Amino acid sequence: MLFLVAALLLLGVVLGTVAHAPLTFSVATGLVIAVWLGVFAIRERHGRQRSTSAH
């Protein structure tokens, strides 16, 4: 329960910060995060395929 409260508090702080930031900065930051998550997902999938084929 404490984890949920902390997560909601952090989400509120982040959303409050984004609300006051310029739109171009928010969009650019969102794109950077999306690319980072995409690269992470591709690396994870590639790593799991490589480890399963070795068995």
PDB file of N, CA and C in Angstrom:
ATOM      1  N   MET A   1       0.826  -1.188   0.000  1.00  0.00           N
ATOM      2  CA  MET A   1       0.000   0.000   0.000  1.00  0.00           C
ATOM      3  C   MET A   1       0.873   1.255   0.000  1.00  0.00           C
ATOM      4  N   LEU A   2       1.943   1.194   0.773  1.00  0.00           N
ATOM      5  CA  LEU A   2       2.852   2.334   0.817  1.00  0.00           C
ATOM      6  C   LEU A   2       3.501   2.564  -0.547  1.00  0.00           C
ATOM      7  N   PHE A   3       3.783   1.460  -1.250  1.00  0.00           N
ATOM      8  CA  PHE A   3       4.354   1.569  -2.590  1.00  0.00           C
ATOM      9  C   PHE A   3       3.386   2.300  -3.522  1.00  0.00           C
ATOM     10  N   LEU A   4       2.104   1.992  -3.431  1.00  0.00           N
ATOM     11  CA  LEU A   4       1.093   2.660  -4.261  1.00  0.00           C
ATOM     12  C   LEU A   4       1.035   4.157  -3.971  1.00  0.00           C
ATOM     13  N   VAL A   5       1.084   4.522  -2.719  1.00  0.00           N
ATOM     14  CA  VAL A   5       1.055   5.933  -2.343  1.00  0.00           C
ATOM     15  C   VAL A   5       2.276   6.651  -2.895  1.00  0.00           C
ATOM     16  N   ALA A   6       3.441   6.024  -2.765  1.00  0.00           N
ATOM     17  CA  ALA A   6       4.671   6.636  -3.270  1.00  0.00           C
ATOM     18  C   ALA A   6       4.629   6.765  -4.794  1.00  0.00           C
ATOM     19  N   ALA A   7       4.109   5.735  -5.476  1.00  0.00           N
ATOM     20  CA  ALA A   7       4.027   5.786  -6.937  1.00  0.00           C
ATOM     21  C   ALA A   7       3.070   6.879  -7.392  1.00  0.00           C
ATOM     22  N   LEU A   8       1.933   7.013  -6.736  1.00  0.00           N
ATOM     23  CA  LEU A   8       0.988   8.068  -7.098  1.00  0.00           C
ATOM     24  C   LEU A   8       1.546   9.455  -6.803  1.00  0.00           C
ATOM     25  N   LEU A   9       2.279   9.580  -5.711  1.00  0.00           N
ATOM     26  CA  LEU A   9       2.909  10.861  -5.395  1.00  0.00           C
ATOM     27  C   LEU A   9       3.944  11.228  -6.451  1.00  0.00           C
ATOM     28  N   LEU A  10       4.762  10.263  -6.849  1.00  0.00           N
ATOM     29  CA  LEU A  10       5.766  10.505  -7.880  1.00  0.00           C
ATOM     30  C   LEU A  10       5.113  10.843  -9.216  1.00  0.00           C
ATOM     31  N   LEU A  11       4.035  10.137  -9.550  1.00  0.00           N
ATOM     32  CA  LEU A  11       3.310  10.423 -10.792  1.00  0.00           C
ATOM     33  C   LEU A  11       2.756  11.840 -10.776  1.00  0.00           C
ATOM     34  N   GLY A  12       2.216  12.264  -9.653  1.00  0.00           N
ATOM     35  CA  GLY A  12       1.700  13.625  -9.533  1.00  0.00           C
ATOM     36  C   GLY A  12       2.779  14.672  -9.713  1.00  0.00           C
ATOM     37  N   VAL A  13       3.938  14.422  -9.155  1.00  0.00           N
ATOM     38  CA  VAL A  13       5.050  15.369  -9.300  1.00  0.00           C
ATOM     39  C   VAL A  13       5.496  15.446 -10.750  1.00  0.00           C
ATOM     40  N   VAL A  14       5.618  14.283 -11.410  1.00  0.00           N
ATOM     41  CA  VAL A  14       6.063  14.257 -12.806  1.00  0.00           C
ATOM     42  C   VAL A  14       5.036  14.937 -13.705  1.00  0.00           C
ATOM     43  N   LEU A  15       3.765  14.635 -13.515  1.00  0.00           N
ATOM     44  CA  LEU A  15       2.732  15.258 -14.343  1.00  0.00           C
ATOM     45  C   LEU A  15       2.645  16.750 -14.088  1.00  0.00           C
ATOM     46  N   GLY A  16       2.861  17.159 -12.855  1.00  0.00           N
ATOM     47  CA  GLY A  16       2.880  18.596 -12.559  1.00  0.00           C
ATOM     48  C   GLY A  16       4.036  19.290 -13.252  1.00  0.00           C
ATOM     49  N   THR A  17       5.177  18.636 -13.311  1.00  0.00           N
ATOM     50  CA  THR A  17       6.337  19.206 -13.985  1.00  0.00           C
ATOM     51  C   THR A  17       6.092  19.310 -15.486  1.00  0.00           C
ATOM     52  N   VAL A  18       5.495  18.285 -16.064  1.00  0.00           N
ATOM     53  CA  VAL A  18       5.221  18.297 -17.503  1.00  0.00           C
ATOM     54  C   VAL A  18       4.205  19.384 -17.841  1.00  0.00           C
ATOM     55  N   ALA A  19       3.265  19.623 -16.964  1.00  0.00           N
ATOM     56  CA  ALA A  19       2.248  20.636 -17.221  1.00  0.00           C
ATOM     57  C   ALA A  19       2.857  22.028 -17.314  1.00  0.00           C
ATOM     58  N   HIS A  20       3.961  22.260 -16.630  1.00  0.00           N
ATOM     59  CA  HIS A  20       4.586  23.580 -16.646  1.00  0.00           C
ATOM     60  C   HIS A  20       5.723  23.682 -17.656  1.00  0.00           C
ATOM     61  N   ALA A  21       6.117  22.589 -18.233  1.00  0.00           N
ATOM     62  CA  ALA A  21       7.191  22.605 -19.226  1.00  0.00           C
ATOM     63  C   ALA A  21       6.612  22.980 -20.593  1.00  0.00           C
ATOM     64  N   PRO A  22       7.437  23.551 -21.460  1.00  0.00           N
ATOM     65  CA  PRO A  22       6.960  23.851 -22.816  1.00  0.00           C
ATOM     66  C   PRO A  22       6.576  22.571 -23.563  1.00  0.00           C
ATOM     67  N   LEU A  23       5.640  22.700 -24.484  1.00  0.00           N
ATOM     68  CA  LEU A  23       5.136  21.533 -25.212  1.00  0.00           C
ATOM     69  C   LEU A  23       6.242  20.844 -26.001  1.00  0.00           C
ATOM     70  N   THR A  24       7.123  21.607 -26.622  1.00  0.00           N
ATOM     71  CA  THR A  24       8.196  20.993 -27.419  1.00  0.00           C
ATOM     72  C   THR A  24       9.131  20.162 -26.538  1.00  0.00           C
ATOM     73  N   PHE A  25       9.413  20.645 -25.338  1.00  0.00           N
ATOM     74  CA  PHE A  25      10.265  19.892 -24.414  1.00  0.00           C
ATOM     75  C   PHE A  25       9.579  18.602 -23.988  1.00  0.00           C
ATOM     76  N   SER A  26       8.290  18.681 -23.706  1.00  0.00           N
ATOM     77  CA  SER A  26       7.545  17.488 -23.294  1.00  0.00           C
ATOM     78  C   SER A  26       7.497  16.447 -24.402  1.00  0.00           C
ATOM     79  N   VAL A  27       7.257  16.902 -25.629  1.00  0.00           N
ATOM     80  CA  VAL A  27       7.205  15.976 -26.766  1.00  0.00           C
ATOM     81  C   VAL A  27       8.578  15.357 -27.017  1.00  0.00           C
ATOM     82  N   ALA A  28       9.620  16.169 -26.972  1.00  0.00           N
ATOM     83  CA  ALA A  28      10.976  15.657 -27.196  1.00  0.00           C
ATOM     84  C   ALA A  28      11.356  14.639 -26.120  1.00  0.00           C
ATOM     85  N   THR A  29      11.037  14.929 -24.885  1.00  0.00           N
ATOM     86  CA  THR A  29      11.335  14.000 -23.798  1.00  0.00           C
ATOM     87  C   THR A  29      10.545  12.708 -23.956  1.00  0.00           C
ATOM     88  N   GLY A  30       9.286  12.827 -24.348  1.00  0.00           N
ATOM     89  CA  GLY A  30       8.469  11.641 -24.586  1.00  0.00           C
ATOM     90  C   GLY A  30       9.027  10.776 -25.701  1.00  0.00           C
ATOM     91  N   LEU A  31       9.517  11.406 -26.758  1.00  0.00           N
ATOM     92  CA  LEU A  31      10.110  10.648 -27.863  1.00  0.00           C
ATOM     93  C   LEU A  31      11.392   9.939 -27.434  1.00  0.00           C
ATOM     94  N   VAL A  32      12.203  10.619 -26.647  1.00  0.00           N
ATOM     95  CA  VAL A  32      13.436   9.997 -26.158  1.00  0.00           C
ATOM     96  C   VAL A  32      13.114   8.776 -25.303  1.00  0.00           C
ATOM     97  N   ILE A  33      12.131   8.897 -24.435  1.00  0.00           N
ATOM     98  CA  ILE A  33      11.742   7.775 -23.576  1.00  0.00           C
ATOM     99  C   ILE A  33      11.174   6.641 -24.421  1.00  0.00           C
ATOM    100  N   ALA A  34      10.359   6.964 -25.436  1.00  0.00           N
ATOM    101  CA  ALA A  34       9.768   5.936 -26.296  1.00  0.00           C
ATOM    102  C   ALA A  34      10.853   5.179 -27.063  1.00  0.00           C
ATOM    103  N   VAL A  35      11.846   5.895 -27.586  1.00  0.00           N
ATOM    104  CA  VAL A  35      12.944   5.246 -28.311  1.00  0.00           C
ATOM    105  C   VAL A  35      13.746   4.358 -27.362  1.00  0.00           C
ATOM    106  N   TRP A  36      14.013   4.865 -26.167  1.00  0.00           N
ATOM    107  CA  TRP A  36      14.760   4.092 -25.179  1.00  0.00           C
ATOM    108  C   TRP A  36      14.023   2.804 -24.818  1.00  0.00           C
ATOM    109  N   LEU A  37      12.712   2.893 -24.605  1.00  0.00           N
ATOM    110  CA  LEU A  37      11.933   1.696 -24.291  1.00  0.00           C
ATOM    111  C   LEU A  37      11.898   0.730 -25.471  1.00  0.00           C
ATOM    112  N   GLY A  38      11.825   1.259 -26.698  1.00  0.00           N
ATOM    113  CA  GLY A  38      11.835   0.404 -27.881  1.00  0.00           C
ATOM    114  C   GLY A  38      13.146  -0.349 -28.022  1.00  0.00           C
ATOM    115  N   VAL A  39      14.252   0.344 -27.816  1.00  0.00           N
ATOM    116  CA  VAL A  39      15.565  -0.303 -27.893  1.00  0.00           C
ATOM    117  C   VAL A  39      15.692  -1.358 -26.801  1.00  0.00           C
ATOM    118  N   PHE A  40      15.215  -1.044 -25.610  1.00  0.00           N
ATOM    119  CA  PHE A  40      15.269  -2.010 -24.517  1.00  0.00           C
ATOM    120  C   PHE A  40      14.452  -3.257 -24.848  1.00  0.00           C
ATOM    121  N   ALA A  41      13.249  -3.069 -25.402  1.00  0.00           N
ATOM    122  CA  ALA A  41      12.397  -4.209 -25.751  1.00  0.00           C
ATOM    123  C   ALA A  41      13.041  -5.075 -26.828  1.00  0.00           C
ATOM    124  N   ILE A  42      13.644  -4.446 -27.822  1.00  0.00           N
ATOM    125  CA  ILE A  42      14.301  -5.202 -28.899  1.00  0.00           C
ATOM    126  C   ILE A  42      15.486  -5.987 -28.344  1.00  0.00           C
ATOM    127  N   ARG A  43      16.276  -5.354 -27.486  1.00  0.00           N
ATOM    128  CA  ARG A  43      17.428  -6.059 -26.901  1.00  0.00           C
ATOM    129  C   ARG A  43      16.985  -7.221 -26.032  1.00  0.00           C
ATOM    130  N   GLU A  44      15.921  -7.035 -25.264  1.00  0.00           N
ATOM    131  CA  GLU A  44      15.418  -8.119 -24.417  1.00  0.00           C
ATOM    132  C   GLU A  44      14.914  -9.281 -25.271  1.00  0.00           C
ATOM    133  N   ARG A  45      14.153  -8.971 -26.298  1.00  0.00           N
ATOM    134  CA  ARG A  45      13.622 -10.033 -27.157  1.00  0.00           C
ATOM    135  C   ARG A  45      14.755 -10.769 -27.865  1.00  0.00           C
ATOM    136  N   HIS A  46      15.733 -10.016 -28.351  1.00  0.00           N
ATOM    137  CA  HIS A  46      16.864 -10.634 -29.048  1.00  0.00           C
ATOM    138  C   HIS A  46      17.676 -11.497 -28.080  1.00  0.00           C
ATOM    139  N   GLY A  47      17.866 -11.022 -26.868  1.00  0.00           N
ATOM    140  CA  GLY A  47      18.619 -11.786 -25.879  1.00  0.00           C
ATOM    141  C   GLY A  47      17.911 -13.062 -25.473  1.00  0.00           C
ATOM    142  N   ARG A  48      16.598 -13.018 -25.357  1.00  0.00           N
ATOM    143  CA  ARG A  48      15.848 -14.223 -24.988  1.00  0.00           C
ATOM    144  C   ARG A  48      15.826 -15.229 -26.124  1.00  0.00           C
ATOM    145  N   GLN A  49      15.751 -14.764 -27.365  1.00  0.00           N
ATOM    146  CA  GLN A  49      15.767 -15.690 -28.500  1.00  0.00           C
ATOM    147  C   GLN A  49      17.117 -16.373 -28.587  1.00  0.00           C
ATOM    148  N   ARG A  50      18.154 -15.659 -28.321  1.00  0.00           N
ATOM    149  CA  ARG A  50      19.498 -16.242 -28.385  1.00  0.00           C
ATOM    150  C   ARG A  50      19.688 -17.268 -27.285  1.00  0.00           C
ATOM    151  N   SER A  51      19.194 -16.996 -26.067  1.00  0.00           N
ATOM    152  CA  SER A  51      19.383 -17.945 -24.975  1.00  0.00           C
ATOM    153  C   SER A  51      18.495 -19.180 -25.118  1.00  0.00           C
ATOM    154  N   THR A  52      17.311 -19.054 -25.730  1.00  0.00           N
ATOM    155  CA  THR A  52      16.449 -20.225 -25.911  1.00  0.00           C
ATOM    156  C   THR A  52      16.962 -21.109 -27.034  1.00  0.00           C
ATOM    157  N   SER A  53      17.552 -20.554 -28.057  1.00  0.00           N
ATOM    158  CA  SER A  53      18.028 -21.379 -29.160  1.00  0.00           C
ATOM    159  C   SER A  53      19.266 -22.182 -28.758  1.00  0.00           C
ATOM    160  N   ALA A  54      19.977 -21.765 -27.723  1.00  0.00           N
ATOM    161  CA  ALA A  54      21.176 -22.470 -27.276  1.00  0.00           C
ATOM    162  C   ALA A  54      20.831 -23.727 -26.486  1.00  0.00           C
ATOM    163  N   HIS A  55      19.600 -23.854 -26.013  1.00  0.00           N
ATOM    164  CA  HIS A  55      19.219 -25.028 -25.212  1.00  0.00           C
ATOM    165  C   HIS A  55      18.938 -26.139 -26.124  1.00  0.00           C
TER     166      HIS A  55
END
